[in-house]
Amino acid sequence: MKYIKLGNSGLRVSDFCLGTMTFGHGTEEREAERIVTYAFEEGVRFFDTADSYSDGESERMLGKALRGRRHEVVVATKFSNPMGEGINDSGWSRLHVMRAAEESLRRLGTDYIDLYYVHHTDDQTPTEEMLRALDDLVRQGKVRYLGVSNFESWRLAETLWQAESSRLEKPIAYQAPTAWS
C-alpha cells in the first residue's frame, strides 16, 4: 500500500480509501467488520462514511469495526443531508453543523473526526456561517481537517475564498461528484 499526503496538509492517508455507503444498506454488520478488517490488514488506513448513509448506521458499524484501531486510521465523515423531519435537520446552519458533528462522534464511538466533509451545498445558509461553525469544531478538537463534497467549481472557489478572507479553517480535500443530475 502506498501512503500519500492529503491535499496541502501533512495528513498522510492510504492511497485507497474504503467507502462504507453500503454498511447498513446491503452490507450487514458482521460482513462490514470482515471488510474493514481485511482492508486494514491490506494496509488501508483511510475510511469514508457519512451521517446520512443508512440513517447513521454506516457510521455506527464503521466505529464498531474500528474499535481498538481508531488511532491507526483516518476516518472521514460528512454532514448536510437530511437526518430527520425537523426544519433544522439538514443544511449548513450552525445549529445543524454542531448537532451533526456531535451525533457523528457518538455513532462512531470516538472523540474526534479526522476529516469532516460538507456533503452537499445549501443555498439557504451563508457560507461564512457554516465555515465559522466548522472552524469552532476544529478549535474544540472535535474535527482535525475539513473537506467539501459535490460542490460545483465556482462554489468551491467561493468557499476557499470565504475561509481565507475570514481567516477560518480551509478545506484540504475535495470529493468531486461522479455525475451531475
N, C-alpha and C. Protein backbone atom coordinates (compact mmCIF):
# COMPACT_ATOMS: atom_id res chain seq x y z
N MET A 1 0.86 -1.19 0.00
CA MET A 1 0.00 0.00 0.00
C MET A 1 0.89 1.23 0.00
N LYS A 2 0.51 2.21 -0.79
CA LYS A 2 1.22 3.48 -0.79
C LYS A 2 0.45 4.45 0.10
N TYR A 3 1.18 5.40 0.68
CA TYR A 3 0.57 6.42 1.53
C TYR A 3 0.94 7.78 0.96
N ILE A 4 -0.02 8.66 0.94
CA ILE A 4 0.15 9.97 0.32
C ILE A 4 -0.32 11.07 1.26
N LYS A 5 0.16 12.29 1.00
CA LYS A 5 -0.34 13.44 1.74
C LYS A 5 -1.68 13.84 1.16
N LEU A 6 -2.61 14.20 2.05
CA LEU A 6 -3.94 14.61 1.61
C LEU A 6 -3.96 16.11 1.40
N GLY A 7 -4.22 16.51 0.16
CA GLY A 7 -4.29 17.93 -0.15
C GLY A 7 -3.00 18.64 0.18
N ASN A 8 -3.14 19.86 0.69
CA ASN A 8 -1.99 20.68 1.02
C ASN A 8 -1.74 20.63 2.53
N SER A 9 -1.87 19.43 3.10
CA SER A 9 -1.70 19.25 4.54
C SER A 9 -0.58 18.25 4.79
N GLY A 10 -0.31 18.01 6.03
CA GLY A 10 0.66 16.98 6.41
C GLY A 10 -0.01 15.66 6.70
N LEU A 11 -1.33 15.57 6.58
CA LEU A 11 -2.07 14.35 6.87
C LEU A 11 -1.77 13.29 5.81
N ARG A 12 -1.30 12.14 6.28
CA ARG A 12 -0.99 11.03 5.36
C ARG A 12 -2.12 10.00 5.43
N VAL A 13 -2.51 9.54 4.26
CA VAL A 13 -3.57 8.54 4.13
C VAL A 13 -3.12 7.46 3.15
N SER A 14 -3.75 6.30 3.24
CA SER A 14 -3.50 5.27 2.22
C SER A 14 -4.07 5.77 0.91
N ASP A 15 -3.44 5.37 -0.20
CA ASP A 15 -3.96 5.86 -1.48
C ASP A 15 -5.27 5.19 -1.86
N PHE A 16 -5.70 4.21 -1.12
CA PHE A 16 -7.04 3.65 -1.25
C PHE A 16 -7.84 4.05 -0.01
N CYS A 17 -9.07 4.44 -0.23
CA CYS A 17 -9.97 4.79 0.86
C CYS A 17 -11.16 3.84 0.76
N LEU A 18 -11.51 3.22 1.89
CA LEU A 18 -12.67 2.33 1.88
C LEU A 18 -13.93 3.13 2.17
N GLY A 19 -14.82 3.20 1.19
CA GLY A 19 -16.11 3.85 1.35
C GLY A 19 -17.10 2.87 1.96
N THR A 20 -17.94 3.37 2.87
CA THR A 20 -18.84 2.48 3.61
C THR A 20 -20.31 2.81 3.38
N MET A 21 -20.64 3.34 2.22
CA MET A 21 -22.00 3.75 1.94
C MET A 21 -23.00 2.60 2.05
N THR A 22 -22.56 1.38 1.78
CA THR A 22 -23.49 0.24 1.82
C THR A 22 -23.61 -0.38 3.21
N PHE A 23 -22.80 0.05 4.16
CA PHE A 23 -22.91 -0.53 5.51
C PHE A 23 -24.27 -0.17 6.08
N GLY A 24 -25.03 -1.19 6.44
CA GLY A 24 -26.38 -0.97 6.96
C GLY A 24 -27.43 -0.94 5.87
N HIS A 25 -27.01 -0.95 4.63
CA HIS A 25 -27.93 -0.95 3.48
C HIS A 25 -27.33 -1.88 2.42
N GLY A 26 -27.49 -3.17 2.65
CA GLY A 26 -26.92 -4.16 1.74
C GLY A 26 -25.74 -4.90 2.34
N THR A 27 -25.06 -4.29 3.30
CA THR A 27 -23.94 -4.94 3.99
C THR A 27 -24.28 -5.00 5.47
N GLU A 28 -24.43 -6.21 5.96
CA GLU A 28 -24.77 -6.41 7.37
C GLU A 28 -23.54 -6.21 8.25
N GLU A 29 -23.77 -6.10 9.56
CA GLU A 29 -22.71 -5.76 10.50
C GLU A 29 -21.53 -6.73 10.48
N ARG A 30 -21.79 -8.01 10.51
CA ARG A 30 -20.69 -8.99 10.52
C ARG A 30 -19.84 -8.87 9.25
N GLU A 31 -20.50 -8.69 8.11
CA GLU A 31 -19.78 -8.53 6.84
C GLU A 31 -19.00 -7.22 6.83
N ALA A 32 -19.57 -6.17 7.37
CA ALA A 32 -18.87 -4.88 7.45
C ALA A 32 -17.59 -5.03 8.27
N GLU A 33 -17.68 -5.70 9.39
CA GLU A 33 -16.48 -5.92 10.23
C GLU A 33 -15.43 -6.72 9.47
N ARG A 34 -15.86 -7.73 8.72
CA ARG A 34 -14.93 -8.53 7.92
C ARG A 34 -14.25 -7.68 6.85
N ILE A 35 -15.02 -6.82 6.19
CA ILE A 35 -14.48 -5.95 5.14
C ILE A 35 -13.46 -4.98 5.73
N VAL A 36 -13.81 -4.34 6.84
CA VAL A 36 -12.90 -3.38 7.47
C VAL A 36 -11.62 -4.07 7.93
N THR A 37 -11.75 -5.23 8.53
CA THR A 37 -10.57 -5.97 8.99
C THR A 37 -9.67 -6.35 7.82
N TYR A 38 -10.25 -6.85 6.74
CA TYR A 38 -9.47 -7.21 5.56
C TYR A 38 -8.76 -5.98 4.99
N ALA A 39 -9.49 -4.88 4.85
CA ALA A 39 -8.88 -3.65 4.31
C ALA A 39 -7.72 -3.21 5.20
N PHE A 40 -7.92 -3.23 6.51
CA PHE A 40 -6.88 -2.82 7.45
C PHE A 40 -5.65 -3.73 7.30
N GLU A 41 -5.87 -5.02 7.21
CA GLU A 41 -4.76 -5.97 7.05
C GLU A 41 -4.01 -5.74 5.74
N GLU A 42 -4.69 -5.21 4.73
CA GLU A 42 -4.06 -4.92 3.44
C GLU A 42 -3.42 -3.53 3.41
N GLY A 43 -3.50 -2.80 4.51
CA GLY A 43 -2.82 -1.50 4.59
C GLY A 43 -3.71 -0.29 4.44
N VAL A 44 -5.01 -0.48 4.23
CA VAL A 44 -5.91 0.67 4.12
C VAL A 44 -5.98 1.34 5.49
N ARG A 45 -5.75 2.65 5.50
CA ARG A 45 -5.80 3.42 6.74
C ARG A 45 -6.71 4.63 6.61
N PHE A 46 -7.56 4.63 5.57
CA PHE A 46 -8.43 5.75 5.26
C PHE A 46 -9.83 5.19 5.01
N PHE A 47 -10.81 5.63 5.82
CA PHE A 47 -12.18 5.12 5.75
C PHE A 47 -13.14 6.28 5.63
N ASP A 48 -14.15 6.13 4.76
CA ASP A 48 -15.09 7.20 4.47
C ASP A 48 -16.51 6.75 4.74
N THR A 49 -17.28 7.62 5.40
CA THR A 49 -18.69 7.36 5.67
C THR A 49 -19.44 8.68 5.63
N ALA A 50 -20.69 8.69 6.04
CA ALA A 50 -21.49 9.91 6.14
C ALA A 50 -22.62 9.67 7.11
N ASP A 51 -23.07 10.75 7.75
CA ASP A 51 -24.17 10.59 8.70
C ASP A 51 -25.42 10.06 8.02
N SER A 52 -25.65 10.44 6.77
CA SER A 52 -26.88 10.04 6.08
C SER A 52 -26.82 8.66 5.46
N TYR A 53 -25.67 8.00 5.46
CA TYR A 53 -25.61 6.64 4.93
C TYR A 53 -26.37 5.72 5.89
N SER A 54 -27.45 5.18 5.40
CA SER A 54 -28.31 4.28 6.19
C SER A 54 -28.74 4.92 7.50
N ASP A 55 -29.07 6.21 7.44
CA ASP A 55 -29.54 6.95 8.62
C ASP A 55 -28.60 6.81 9.80
N GLY A 56 -27.30 6.87 9.55
CA GLY A 56 -26.31 6.82 10.62
C GLY A 56 -25.78 5.43 10.91
N GLU A 57 -26.40 4.42 10.37
CA GLU A 57 -25.98 3.04 10.65
C GLU A 57 -24.58 2.76 10.12
N SER A 58 -24.23 3.34 8.99
CA SER A 58 -22.89 3.15 8.44
C SER A 58 -21.83 3.67 9.41
N GLU A 59 -22.04 4.85 9.99
CA GLU A 59 -21.09 5.38 10.96
C GLU A 59 -20.97 4.46 12.17
N ARG A 60 -22.11 4.00 12.68
CA ARG A 60 -22.09 3.13 13.85
C ARG A 60 -21.32 1.84 13.56
N MET A 61 -21.60 1.24 12.41
CA MET A 61 -20.93 -0.02 12.05
C MET A 61 -19.44 0.19 11.84
N LEU A 62 -19.06 1.29 11.19
CA LEU A 62 -17.63 1.56 10.98
C LEU A 62 -16.94 1.78 12.32
N GLY A 63 -17.54 2.59 13.19
CA GLY A 63 -16.95 2.82 14.50
C GLY A 63 -16.73 1.53 15.26
N LYS A 64 -17.70 0.64 15.23
CA LYS A 64 -17.57 -0.64 15.92
C LYS A 64 -16.47 -1.49 15.29
N ALA A 65 -16.40 -1.51 13.98
CA ALA A 65 -15.38 -2.31 13.28
C ALA A 65 -13.97 -1.79 13.52
N LEU A 66 -13.84 -0.49 13.80
CA LEU A 66 -12.51 0.11 14.02
C LEU A 66 -12.10 0.12 15.49
N ARG A 67 -12.97 -0.34 16.37
CA ARG A 67 -12.65 -0.34 17.79
C ARG A 67 -11.30 -1.01 18.04
N GLY A 68 -10.45 -0.33 18.80
CA GLY A 68 -9.12 -0.84 19.09
C GLY A 68 -8.08 -0.45 18.06
N ARG A 69 -8.53 0.09 16.92
CA ARG A 69 -7.60 0.52 15.86
C ARG A 69 -7.80 1.98 15.49
N ARG A 70 -8.68 2.66 16.20
CA ARG A 70 -9.07 4.02 15.82
C ARG A 70 -7.87 4.95 15.64
N HIS A 71 -6.91 4.84 16.54
CA HIS A 71 -5.74 5.73 16.48
C HIS A 71 -4.82 5.45 15.29
N GLU A 72 -5.05 4.35 14.59
CA GLU A 72 -4.20 3.97 13.47
C GLU A 72 -4.78 4.35 12.11
N VAL A 73 -5.99 4.93 12.11
CA VAL A 73 -6.66 5.20 10.84
C VAL A 73 -7.14 6.65 10.75
N VAL A 74 -7.45 7.04 9.55
CA VAL A 74 -8.09 8.34 9.27
C VAL A 74 -9.55 8.05 8.93
N VAL A 75 -10.44 8.67 9.67
CA VAL A 75 -11.87 8.49 9.45
C VAL A 75 -12.45 9.79 8.90
N ALA A 76 -13.10 9.69 7.76
CA ALA A 76 -13.80 10.83 7.16
C ALA A 76 -15.30 10.56 7.26
N THR A 77 -16.05 11.60 7.61
CA THR A 77 -17.50 11.51 7.56
C THR A 77 -18.03 12.83 7.03
N LYS A 78 -19.32 12.86 6.75
CA LYS A 78 -19.92 14.01 6.09
C LYS A 78 -21.21 14.41 6.78
N PHE A 79 -21.62 15.68 6.56
CA PHE A 79 -22.90 16.18 7.07
C PHE A 79 -23.54 17.06 6.01
N SER A 80 -24.77 17.35 6.17
CA SER A 80 -25.62 18.33 5.48
C SER A 80 -26.88 17.72 4.91
N ASN A 81 -26.88 16.42 4.62
CA ASN A 81 -28.09 15.77 4.14
C ASN A 81 -29.11 15.67 5.27
N PRO A 82 -30.39 15.54 4.93
CA PRO A 82 -31.42 15.42 5.97
C PRO A 82 -31.17 14.22 6.89
N MET A 83 -31.31 14.49 8.20
CA MET A 83 -31.16 13.44 9.21
C MET A 83 -32.39 13.38 10.11
N GLY A 84 -33.50 13.84 9.60
CA GLY A 84 -34.76 13.83 10.32
C GLY A 84 -35.76 14.69 9.59
N GLU A 85 -36.93 14.84 10.20
CA GLU A 85 -38.02 15.61 9.59
C GLU A 85 -38.04 17.07 10.03
N GLY A 86 -37.21 17.43 11.01
CA GLY A 86 -37.22 18.78 11.56
C GLY A 86 -36.69 19.82 10.58
N ILE A 87 -37.06 21.07 10.82
CA ILE A 87 -36.66 22.15 9.91
C ILE A 87 -35.17 22.45 9.99
N ASN A 88 -34.48 22.01 11.04
CA ASN A 88 -33.04 22.22 11.17
C ASN A 88 -32.26 20.92 11.15
N ASP A 89 -32.83 19.89 10.53
CA ASP A 89 -32.18 18.58 10.48
C ASP A 89 -31.35 18.36 9.23
N SER A 90 -31.01 19.43 8.53
CA SER A 90 -30.15 19.33 7.36
C SER A 90 -29.53 20.70 7.12
N GLY A 91 -28.59 20.74 6.18
CA GLY A 91 -28.03 22.01 5.73
C GLY A 91 -26.80 22.47 6.49
N TRP A 92 -26.53 23.78 6.34
CA TRP A 92 -25.29 24.39 6.82
C TRP A 92 -25.48 25.27 8.05
N SER A 93 -26.66 25.33 8.62
CA SER A 93 -26.83 26.22 9.77
C SER A 93 -25.89 25.81 10.90
N ARG A 94 -25.48 26.76 11.69
CA ARG A 94 -24.61 26.47 12.84
C ARG A 94 -25.25 25.40 13.72
N LEU A 95 -26.56 25.52 13.94
CA LEU A 95 -27.27 24.55 14.76
C LEU A 95 -27.08 23.14 14.20
N HIS A 96 -27.32 22.99 12.90
CA HIS A 96 -27.21 21.65 12.31
C HIS A 96 -25.77 21.16 12.28
N VAL A 97 -24.82 22.01 11.93
CA VAL A 97 -23.41 21.59 11.86
C VAL A 97 -22.96 21.04 13.21
N MET A 98 -23.23 21.78 14.28
CA MET A 98 -22.78 21.35 15.61
C MET A 98 -23.49 20.07 16.05
N ARG A 99 -24.79 20.01 15.83
CA ARG A 99 -25.56 18.82 16.20
C ARG A 99 -25.10 17.60 15.38
N ALA A 100 -24.90 17.79 14.10
CA ALA A 100 -24.47 16.69 13.24
C ALA A 100 -23.12 16.14 13.67
N ALA A 101 -22.19 17.02 14.02
CA ALA A 101 -20.87 16.57 14.47
C ALA A 101 -20.98 15.76 15.75
N GLU A 102 -21.75 16.25 16.72
CA GLU A 102 -21.91 15.53 17.99
C GLU A 102 -22.52 14.15 17.76
N GLU A 103 -23.52 14.07 16.90
CA GLU A 103 -24.16 12.79 16.63
C GLU A 103 -23.22 11.84 15.90
N SER A 104 -22.43 12.35 14.96
CA SER A 104 -21.45 11.50 14.27
C SER A 104 -20.40 10.98 15.24
N LEU A 105 -19.92 11.84 16.12
CA LEU A 105 -18.95 11.40 17.13
C LEU A 105 -19.54 10.27 17.98
N ARG A 106 -20.78 10.42 18.39
CA ARG A 106 -21.43 9.39 19.22
C ARG A 106 -21.54 8.08 18.44
N ARG A 107 -22.03 8.15 17.20
CA ARG A 107 -22.20 6.92 16.42
C ARG A 107 -20.87 6.25 16.12
N LEU A 108 -19.84 7.04 15.81
CA LEU A 108 -18.52 6.49 15.50
C LEU A 108 -17.80 5.98 16.75
N GLY A 109 -18.26 6.39 17.92
CA GLY A 109 -17.62 5.96 19.16
C GLY A 109 -16.24 6.54 19.34
N THR A 110 -16.09 7.81 18.97
CA THR A 110 -14.79 8.46 19.05
C THR A 110 -14.96 9.88 19.56
N ASP A 111 -13.87 10.52 19.91
CA ASP A 111 -13.97 11.91 20.38
C ASP A 111 -13.45 12.91 19.35
N TYR A 112 -13.07 12.44 18.15
CA TYR A 112 -12.66 13.35 17.09
C TYR A 112 -12.92 12.73 15.72
N ILE A 113 -13.14 13.59 14.76
CA ILE A 113 -13.30 13.21 13.36
C ILE A 113 -12.07 13.72 12.63
N ASP A 114 -11.40 12.85 11.91
CA ASP A 114 -10.18 13.27 11.21
C ASP A 114 -10.47 14.22 10.06
N LEU A 115 -11.45 13.89 9.25
CA LEU A 115 -11.78 14.69 8.07
C LEU A 115 -13.30 14.83 8.00
N TYR A 116 -13.79 16.06 8.12
CA TYR A 116 -15.23 16.31 8.16
C TYR A 116 -15.62 17.04 6.88
N TYR A 117 -16.40 16.36 6.05
CA TYR A 117 -16.83 16.89 4.76
C TYR A 117 -18.19 17.57 4.85
N VAL A 118 -18.34 18.65 4.12
CA VAL A 118 -19.65 19.22 3.82
C VAL A 118 -20.15 18.40 2.63
N HIS A 119 -21.20 17.59 2.84
CA HIS A 119 -21.61 16.60 1.84
C HIS A 119 -22.23 17.23 0.60
N HIS A 120 -23.10 18.23 0.81
CA HIS A 120 -23.79 18.89 -0.31
C HIS A 120 -23.95 20.37 -0.01
N THR A 121 -24.35 21.11 -1.01
CA THR A 121 -24.50 22.55 -0.87
C THR A 121 -25.83 22.90 -0.20
N ASP A 122 -25.90 24.16 0.26
CA ASP A 122 -27.10 24.69 0.92
C ASP A 122 -27.24 26.13 0.45
N ASP A 123 -28.23 26.39 -0.36
CA ASP A 123 -28.43 27.73 -0.91
C ASP A 123 -29.13 28.67 0.07
N GLN A 124 -29.54 28.16 1.23
CA GLN A 124 -30.29 28.97 2.20
C GLN A 124 -29.41 29.57 3.29
N THR A 125 -28.21 29.03 3.50
CA THR A 125 -27.36 29.44 4.62
C THR A 125 -26.09 30.09 4.09
N PRO A 126 -25.67 31.21 4.67
CA PRO A 126 -24.42 31.83 4.25
C PRO A 126 -23.23 30.90 4.45
N THR A 127 -22.33 30.88 3.50
CA THR A 127 -21.13 30.05 3.58
C THR A 127 -20.34 30.36 4.85
N GLU A 128 -20.25 31.63 5.21
CA GLU A 128 -19.48 32.01 6.38
C GLU A 128 -20.04 31.39 7.66
N GLU A 129 -21.36 31.27 7.78
CA GLU A 129 -21.96 30.65 8.97
C GLU A 129 -21.49 29.21 9.11
N MET A 130 -21.53 28.47 8.02
CA MET A 130 -21.08 27.08 8.02
C MET A 130 -19.60 26.99 8.35
N LEU A 131 -18.79 27.84 7.71
CA LEU A 131 -17.34 27.80 7.94
C LEU A 131 -16.98 28.17 9.37
N ARG A 132 -17.69 29.14 9.96
CA ARG A 132 -17.41 29.51 11.37
C ARG A 132 -17.72 28.35 12.31
N ALA A 133 -18.82 27.66 12.07
CA ALA A 133 -19.17 26.50 12.90
C ALA A 133 -18.10 25.41 12.76
N LEU A 134 -17.66 25.15 11.54
CA LEU A 134 -16.61 24.14 11.32
C LEU A 134 -15.29 24.57 11.95
N ASP A 135 -14.97 25.85 11.83
CA ASP A 135 -13.76 26.38 12.46
C ASP A 135 -13.81 26.16 13.98
N ASP A 136 -14.97 26.39 14.57
CA ASP A 136 -15.12 26.16 16.01
C ASP A 136 -14.91 24.69 16.36
N LEU A 137 -15.42 23.78 15.54
CA LEU A 137 -15.23 22.35 15.79
C LEU A 137 -13.75 21.97 15.74
N VAL A 138 -13.02 22.58 14.80
CA VAL A 138 -11.58 22.32 14.73
C VAL A 138 -10.89 22.86 15.98
N ARG A 139 -11.22 24.08 16.38
CA ARG A 139 -10.61 24.68 17.57
C ARG A 139 -10.95 23.91 18.84
N GLN A 140 -12.11 23.27 18.88
CA GLN A 140 -12.51 22.45 20.04
C GLN A 140 -11.84 21.08 20.04
N GLY A 141 -11.16 20.73 18.95
CA GLY A 141 -10.50 19.43 18.85
C GLY A 141 -11.42 18.30 18.44
N LYS A 142 -12.64 18.61 18.05
CA LYS A 142 -13.59 17.57 17.64
C LYS A 142 -13.41 17.18 16.18
N VAL A 143 -12.82 18.06 15.40
CA VAL A 143 -12.55 17.83 13.98
C VAL A 143 -11.11 18.24 13.72
N ARG A 144 -10.39 17.45 12.93
CA ARG A 144 -8.99 17.76 12.62
C ARG A 144 -8.84 18.53 11.30
N TYR A 145 -9.52 18.07 10.26
CA TYR A 145 -9.42 18.67 8.92
C TYR A 145 -10.80 18.78 8.31
N LEU A 146 -10.93 19.67 7.33
CA LEU A 146 -12.21 19.90 6.64
C LEU A 146 -12.10 19.52 5.17
N GLY A 147 -13.24 19.14 4.60
CA GLY A 147 -13.33 18.85 3.18
C GLY A 147 -14.71 19.23 2.66
N VAL A 148 -14.84 19.26 1.36
CA VAL A 148 -16.14 19.51 0.73
C VAL A 148 -16.38 18.42 -0.31
N SER A 149 -17.66 18.16 -0.56
CA SER A 149 -18.06 17.10 -1.48
C SER A 149 -19.22 17.60 -2.33
N ASN A 150 -19.20 17.23 -3.59
CA ASN A 150 -20.30 17.54 -4.51
C ASN A 150 -20.51 19.04 -4.71
N PHE A 151 -19.46 19.82 -4.64
CA PHE A 151 -19.55 21.27 -4.90
C PHE A 151 -19.24 21.55 -6.36
N GLU A 152 -19.98 22.48 -6.94
CA GLU A 152 -19.61 22.98 -8.25
C GLU A 152 -18.30 23.76 -8.09
N SER A 153 -17.55 23.90 -9.17
CA SER A 153 -16.23 24.54 -9.07
C SER A 153 -16.34 25.98 -8.56
N TRP A 154 -17.36 26.73 -8.98
CA TRP A 154 -17.49 28.12 -8.52
C TRP A 154 -17.76 28.17 -7.02
N ARG A 155 -18.54 27.19 -6.50
CA ARG A 155 -18.84 27.18 -5.07
C ARG A 155 -17.61 26.77 -4.26
N LEU A 156 -16.82 25.87 -4.80
CA LEU A 156 -15.56 25.50 -4.15
C LEU A 156 -14.65 26.72 -4.05
N ALA A 157 -14.52 27.46 -5.15
CA ALA A 157 -13.70 28.67 -5.15
C ALA A 157 -14.24 29.69 -4.14
N GLU A 158 -15.55 29.89 -4.11
CA GLU A 158 -16.16 30.82 -3.16
C GLU A 158 -15.89 30.40 -1.71
N THR A 159 -16.00 29.11 -1.44
CA THR A 159 -15.78 28.59 -0.09
C THR A 159 -14.33 28.80 0.34
N LEU A 160 -13.39 28.51 -0.54
CA LEU A 160 -11.98 28.72 -0.22
C LEU A 160 -11.68 30.20 -0.01
N TRP A 161 -12.26 31.05 -0.86
CA TRP A 161 -12.05 32.50 -0.71
C TRP A 161 -12.64 32.98 0.62
N GLN A 162 -13.85 32.54 0.95
CA GLN A 162 -14.50 32.96 2.20
C GLN A 162 -13.68 32.53 3.42
N ALA A 163 -13.19 31.31 3.40
CA ALA A 163 -12.37 30.83 4.52
C ALA A 163 -11.10 31.65 4.64
N GLU A 164 -10.44 31.88 3.53
CA GLU A 164 -9.19 32.66 3.53
C GLU A 164 -9.43 34.09 3.99
N SER A 165 -10.42 34.74 3.44
CA SER A 165 -10.64 36.15 3.77
C SER A 165 -11.16 36.34 5.20
N SER A 166 -11.82 35.33 5.75
CA SER A 166 -12.33 35.42 7.13
C SER A 166 -11.37 34.78 8.14
N ARG A 167 -10.23 34.31 7.64
CA ARG A 167 -9.22 33.65 8.48
C ARG A 167 -9.81 32.45 9.24
N LEU A 168 -10.56 31.64 8.50
CA LEU A 168 -11.17 30.44 9.06
C LEU A 168 -10.49 29.21 8.47
N GLU A 169 -10.65 28.10 9.15
CA GLU A 169 -10.08 26.84 8.68
C GLU A 169 -10.57 26.56 7.27
N LYS A 170 -9.63 26.17 6.38
CA LYS A 170 -9.97 25.90 4.98
C LYS A 170 -10.07 24.41 4.71
N PRO A 171 -10.93 24.02 3.79
CA PRO A 171 -10.98 22.62 3.37
C PRO A 171 -9.66 22.22 2.72
N ILE A 172 -9.22 20.99 3.00
CA ILE A 172 -8.00 20.47 2.39
C ILE A 172 -8.30 19.38 1.38
N ALA A 173 -9.56 18.93 1.31
CA ALA A 173 -9.92 17.82 0.44
C ALA A 173 -11.21 18.14 -0.30
N TYR A 174 -11.31 17.58 -1.49
CA TYR A 174 -12.49 17.78 -2.33
C TYR A 174 -12.89 16.45 -2.93
N GLN A 175 -14.12 16.01 -2.69
CA GLN A 175 -14.68 14.84 -3.35
C GLN A 175 -15.57 15.34 -4.48
N ALA A 176 -15.10 15.18 -5.68
CA ALA A 176 -15.85 15.65 -6.84
C ALA A 176 -17.03 14.73 -7.11
N PRO A 177 -18.12 15.28 -7.60
CA PRO A 177 -19.27 14.43 -7.95
C PRO A 177 -18.90 13.55 -9.13
N THR A 178 -19.50 12.36 -9.17
CA THR A 178 -19.22 11.45 -10.28
C THR A 178 -20.08 11.79 -11.49
N ALA A 179 -21.26 12.36 -11.26
CA ALA A 179 -22.13 12.76 -12.35
C ALA A 179 -23.07 13.85 -11.83
N TRP A 180 -23.38 14.79 -12.67
CA TRP A 180 -24.32 15.87 -12.29
C TRP A 180 -25.71 15.45 -12.67
N SER A 181 -26.66 15.74 -11.81
CA SER A 181 -28.05 15.40 -12.15
C SER A 181 -28.78 16.61 -12.67
